[in-house]
C-alpha atoms as a PDB file:
ATOM      1  CA  UNK A   1      -0.040  -0.013   0.060  1.00  0.00           C
ATOM      2  CA  UNK A   2       1.504   3.355  -1.137  1.00  0.00           C
ATOM      3  CA  UNK A   3       1.173   6.723   0.590  1.00  0.00           C
ATOM      4  CA  UNK A   4      -1.057   7.929  -2.137  1.00  0.00           C
ATOM      5  CA  UNK A   5      -3.351   4.885  -1.849  1.00  0.00           C
ATOM      6  CA  UNK A   6      -3.511   5.279   1.900  1.00  0.00           C
ATOM      7  CA  UNK A   7      -4.353   9.002   1.541  1.00  0.00           C
ATOM      8  CA  UNK A   8      -7.022   8.451  -1.043  1.00  0.00           C
ATOM      9  CA  UNK A   9      -8.647   5.617   0.990  1.00  0.00           C
ATOM     10  CA  UNK A  10      -8.539   7.736   4.094  1.00  0.00           C
ATOM     11  CA  UNK A  11     -10.158  10.791   2.129  1.00  0.00           C
ATOM     12  CA  UNK A  12     -12.913   8.539   0.854  1.00  0.00           C
ATOM     13  CA  UNK A  13     -13.577   7.254   4.334  1.00  0.00           C
ATOM     14  CA  UNK A  14     -13.675  10.764   5.794  1.00  0.00           C
ATOM     15  CA  UNK A  15     -15.749  12.213   2.985  1.00  0.00           C
ATOM     16  CA  UNK A  16     -18.529   9.578   2.063  1.00  0.00           C
ATOM     17  CA  UNK A  17     -20.035  10.185  -1.346  1.00  0.00           C
ATOM     18  CA  UNK A  18     -17.451  12.764  -2.323  1.00  0.00           C
ATOM     19  CA  UNK A  19     -16.734  13.502  -5.786  1.00  0.00           C
ATOM     20  CA  UNK A  20     -13.127  13.365  -7.363  1.00  0.00           C
ATOM     21  CA  UNK A  21     -12.392  17.014  -6.795  1.00  0.00           C
ATOM     22  CA  UNK A  22     -13.169  16.797  -3.001  1.00  0.00           C
ATOM     23  CA  UNK A  23     -11.100  13.635  -2.599  1.00  0.00           C
ATOM     24  CA  UNK A  24      -8.194  15.209  -4.702  1.00  0.00           C
ATOM     25  CA  UNK A  25      -8.221  18.425  -2.305  1.00  0.00           C
ATOM     26  CA  UNK A  26      -8.268  16.103   0.854  1.00  0.00           C
ATOM     27  CA  UNK A  27      -5.263  14.112  -0.527  1.00  0.00           C
ATOM     28  CA  UNK A  28      -3.445  17.277  -1.439  1.00  0.00           C
ATOM     29  CA  UNK A  29      -3.706  18.403   2.141  1.00  0.00           C
ATOM     30  CA  UNK A  30      -1.818  15.417   3.113  1.00  0.00           C
ATOM     31  CA  UNK A  31       0.443  14.847   0.201  1.00  0.00           C
ATOM     32  CA  UNK A  32       0.801  18.170  -1.696  1.00  0.00           C
ATOM     33  CA  UNK A  33       2.973  16.541  -4.423  1.00  0.00           C
ATOM     34  CA  UNK A  34       0.373  14.107  -5.601  1.00  0.00           C
ATOM     35  CA  UNK A  35      -0.942  14.654  -9.107  1.00  0.00           C
ATOM     36  CA  UNK A  36      -4.618  14.661 -10.079  1.00  0.00           C
ATOM     37  CA  UNK A  37      -3.829  11.665 -12.442  1.00  0.00           C
ATOM     38  CA  UNK A  38      -2.400   9.728  -9.563  1.00  0.00           C
ATOM     39  CA  UNK A  39      -5.658  10.314  -7.589  1.00  0.00           C
ATOM     40  CA  UNK A  40      -7.692   9.042 -10.557  1.00  0.00           C
ATOM     41  CA  UNK A  41      -5.487   5.943 -10.845  1.00  0.00           C
ATOM     42  CA  UNK A  42      -5.732   5.228  -7.119  1.00  0.00           C
ATOM     43  CA  UNK A  43      -9.534   5.589  -7.226  1.00  0.00           C
ATOM     44  CA  UNK A  44      -9.653   3.215 -10.177  1.00  0.00           C
ATOM     45  CA  UNK A  45      -7.268   0.731  -8.498  1.00  0.00           C
ATOM     46  CA  UNK A  46      -9.391   0.817  -5.247  1.00  0.00           C
ATOM     47  CA  UNK A  47     -12.681   0.524  -6.879  1.00  0.00           C
ATOM     48  CA  UNK A  48     -11.243  -2.553  -8.992  1.00  0.00           C
ATOM     49  CA  UNK A  49     -10.082  -4.327  -5.897  1.00  0.00           C
ATOM     50  CA  UNK A  50     -13.472  -3.613  -3.924  1.00  0.00           C
ATOM     51  CA  UNK A  51     -11.957  -1.579  -1.404  1.00  0.00           C
ATOM     52  CA  UNK A  52     -14.145   1.326  -2.323  1.00  0.00           C
ATOM     53  CA  UNK A  53     -17.368   1.694  -4.222  1.00  0.00           C
ATOM     54  CA  UNK A  54     -18.065   4.184  -7.175  1.00  0.00           C
ATOM     55  CA  UNK A  55     -21.646   5.351  -7.502  1.00  0.00           C
ATOM     56  CA  UNK A  56     -22.994   7.709 -10.105  1.00  0.00           C
ATOM     57  CA  UNK A  57     -26.735   8.835  -9.724  1.00  0.00           C
ATOM     58  CA  UNK A  58     -28.154  10.118 -12.982  1.00  0.00           C
ATOM     59  CA  UNK A  59     -27.199  13.531 -13.614  1.00  0.00           C
ATOM     60  CA  UNK A  60     -24.189  13.710 -11.100  1.00  0.00           C
ATOM     61  CA  UNK A  61     -20.506  13.155 -11.279  1.00  0.00           C
ATOM     62  CA  UNK A  62     -19.163   9.995  -9.986  1.00  0.00           C
ATOM     63  CA  UNK A  63     -18.913   9.570  -6.086  1.00  0.00           C
ATOM     64  CA  UNK A  64     -16.913   7.335  -3.802  1.00  0.00           C
ATOM     65  CA  UNK A  65     -17.670   5.539  -0.625  1.00  0.00           C
ATOM     66  CA  UNK A  66     -15.835   2.874   1.528  1.00  0.00           C
ATOM     67  CA  UNK A  67     -19.247   1.013   2.505  1.00  0.00           C
ATOM     68  CA  UNK A  68     -18.743  -1.977   0.273  1.00  0.00           C
ATOM     69  CA  UNK A  69     -20.104  -5.540  -0.032  1.00  0.00           C
ATOM     70  CA  UNK A  70     -23.573  -4.966   1.485  1.00  0.00           C
ATOM     71  CA  UNK A  71     -25.662  -3.884  -1.409  1.00  0.00           C
ATOM     72  CA  UNK A  72     -27.035  -0.814   0.342  1.00  0.00           C
ATOM     73  CA  UNK A  73     -28.921   1.883  -1.665  1.00  0.00           C
ATOM     74  CA  UNK A  74     -28.861   5.715  -1.613  1.00  0.00           C
ATOM     75  CA  UNK A  75     -31.195   8.651  -1.108  1.00  0.00           C
ATOM     76  CA  UNK A  76     -30.376  11.515  -3.310  1.00  0.00           C
ATOM     77  CA  UNK A  77     -31.630  15.117  -2.869  1.00  0.00           C
ATOM     78  CA  UNK A  78     -32.902  16.621  -6.055  1.00  0.00           C
ATOM     79  CA  UNK A  79     -32.337  20.095  -4.797  1.00  0.00           C
ATOM     80  CA  UNK A  80     -28.734  20.148  -3.247  1.00  0.00           C
ATOM     81  CA  UNK A  81     -27.373  16.802  -4.307  1.00  0.00           C
ATOM     82  CA  UNK A  82     -26.871  15.475  -0.684  1.00  0.00           C
ATOM     83  CA  UNK A  83     -26.440  11.727  -0.842  1.00  0.00           C
ATOM     84  CA  UNK A  84     -27.230   9.271   2.137  1.00  0.00           C
ATOM     85  CA  UNK A  85     -26.753   5.631   2.577  1.00  0.00           C
ATOM     86  CA  UNK A  86     -29.924   3.553   3.132  1.00  0.00           C
ATOM     87  CA  UNK A  87     -30.142  -0.169   4.016  1.00  0.00           C
ATOM     88  CA  UNK A  88     -31.930  -2.575   1.703  1.00  0.00           C
ATOM     89  CA  UNK A  89     -35.752  -2.105   1.838  1.00  0.00           C
ATOM     90  CA  UNK A  90     -36.468  -5.755   2.373  1.00  0.00           C
ATOM     91  CA  UNK A  91     -35.161  -9.291   2.439  1.00  0.00           C
ATOM     92  CA  UNK A  92     -31.613 -10.397   1.654  1.00  0.00           C
ATOM     93  CA  UNK A  93     -29.160  -9.433  -1.100  1.00  0.00           C
ATOM     94  CA  UNK A  94     -30.144  -8.571  -3.902  1.00  0.00           C
ATOM     95  CA  UNK A  95     -32.991  -7.098  -2.122  1.00  0.00           C
ATOM     96  CA  UNK A  96     -35.104  -7.275  -5.261  1.00  0.00           C
ATOM     97  CA  UNK A  97     -36.076 -10.174  -7.540  1.00  0.00           C
ATOM     98  CA  UNK A  98     -36.396  -9.716 -11.113  1.00  0.00           C
ATOM     99  CA  UNK A  99     -39.906 -10.785 -12.465  1.00  0.00           C
ATOM    100  CA  UNK A 100     -37.876 -12.516 -15.326  1.00  0.00           C
ATOM    101  CA  UNK A 101     -34.172 -12.677 -14.873  1.00  0.00           C
ATOM    102  CA  UNK A 102     -33.722 -14.044 -18.474  1.00  0.00           C
ATOM    103  CA  UNK A 103     -31.148 -16.638 -17.468  1.00  0.00           C
ATOM    104  CA  UNK A 104     -29.045 -14.090 -15.528  1.00  0.00           C
ATOM    105  CA  UNK A 105     -27.728 -14.941 -12.112  1.00  0.00           C
ATOM    106  CA  UNK A 106     -28.622 -11.864 -10.194  1.00  0.00           C
ATOM    107  CA  UNK A 107     -26.132 -10.849  -7.501  1.00  0.00           C
ATOM    108  CA  UNK A 108     -26.753  -7.266  -6.931  1.00  0.00           C
ATOM    109  CA  UNK A 109     -29.729  -4.633  -7.342  1.00  0.00           C
ATOM    110  CA  UNK A 110     -29.246  -0.963  -7.532  1.00  0.00           C
ATOM    111  CA  UNK A 111     -31.884   1.224  -6.131  1.00  0.00           C
ATOM    112  CA  UNK A 112     -31.591   4.992  -5.952  1.00  0.00           C
ATOM    113  CA  UNK A 113     -34.376   7.009  -4.097  1.00  0.00           C
ATOM    114  CA  UNK A 114     -34.778  10.558  -5.161  1.00  0.00           C
ATOM    115  CA  UNK A 115     -36.477  13.309  -3.203  1.00  0.00           C
ATOM    116  CA  UNK A 116     -35.624  16.233  -0.953  1.00  0.00           C
ATOM    117  CA  UNK A 117     -33.419  16.168   1.892  1.00  0.00           C
ATOM    118  CA  UNK A 118     -34.647  17.594   5.192  1.00  0.00           C
ATOM    119  CA  UNK A 119     -32.738  20.858   4.672  1.00  0.00           C
ATOM    120  CA  UNK A 120     -34.305  21.303   1.196  1.00  0.00           C
ATOM    121  CA  UNK A 121     -37.876  20.227   2.033  1.00  0.00           C
ATOM    122  CA  UNK A 122     -40.540  22.837   2.918  1.00  0.00           C
ATOM    123  CA  UNK A 123     -41.770  22.437   6.387  1.00  0.00           C
ATOM    124  CA  UNK A 124     -44.939  20.669   7.168  1.00  0.00           C
ATOM    125  CA  UNK A 125     -47.182  20.725  10.256  1.00  0.00           C
ATOM    126  CA  UNK A 126     -46.286  17.133  10.918  1.00  0.00           C
ATOM    127  CA  UNK A 127     -42.368  17.582  10.418  1.00  0.00           C
ATOM    128  CA  UNK A 128     -40.489  20.186  12.420  1.00  0.00           C
ATOM    129  CA  UNK A 129     -37.889  22.154  10.808  1.00  0.00           C
ATOM    130  CA  UNK A 130     -34.241  20.958  11.348  1.00  0.00           C
END
């Protein structure tokens, strides 16, 4: 494990769902000499080995997280872009069963819930403001 790999892994851990620019900035704080390309290469290597997960909700740049291997899903705010983890809705992985898997052996289901986060939602009588 090289210093850039450790720094990138720590940055992803400290900034869940961060984009590449945020991760690059956090790594540069620790290793000022590291290049943007080196960070891209490390993100690719860590994703390929399964140490981090790359997600990319529709309309957003890629984001990275260290929560891997549990097939969790995400809540995405349509207004500010905040992303939050959410456990599987029901049952065991892959959480959802395809009505007709067409011969595929399904090992993962990807679900993205879209809406407004508490900070972007208008207050309602039943929900107090944050």
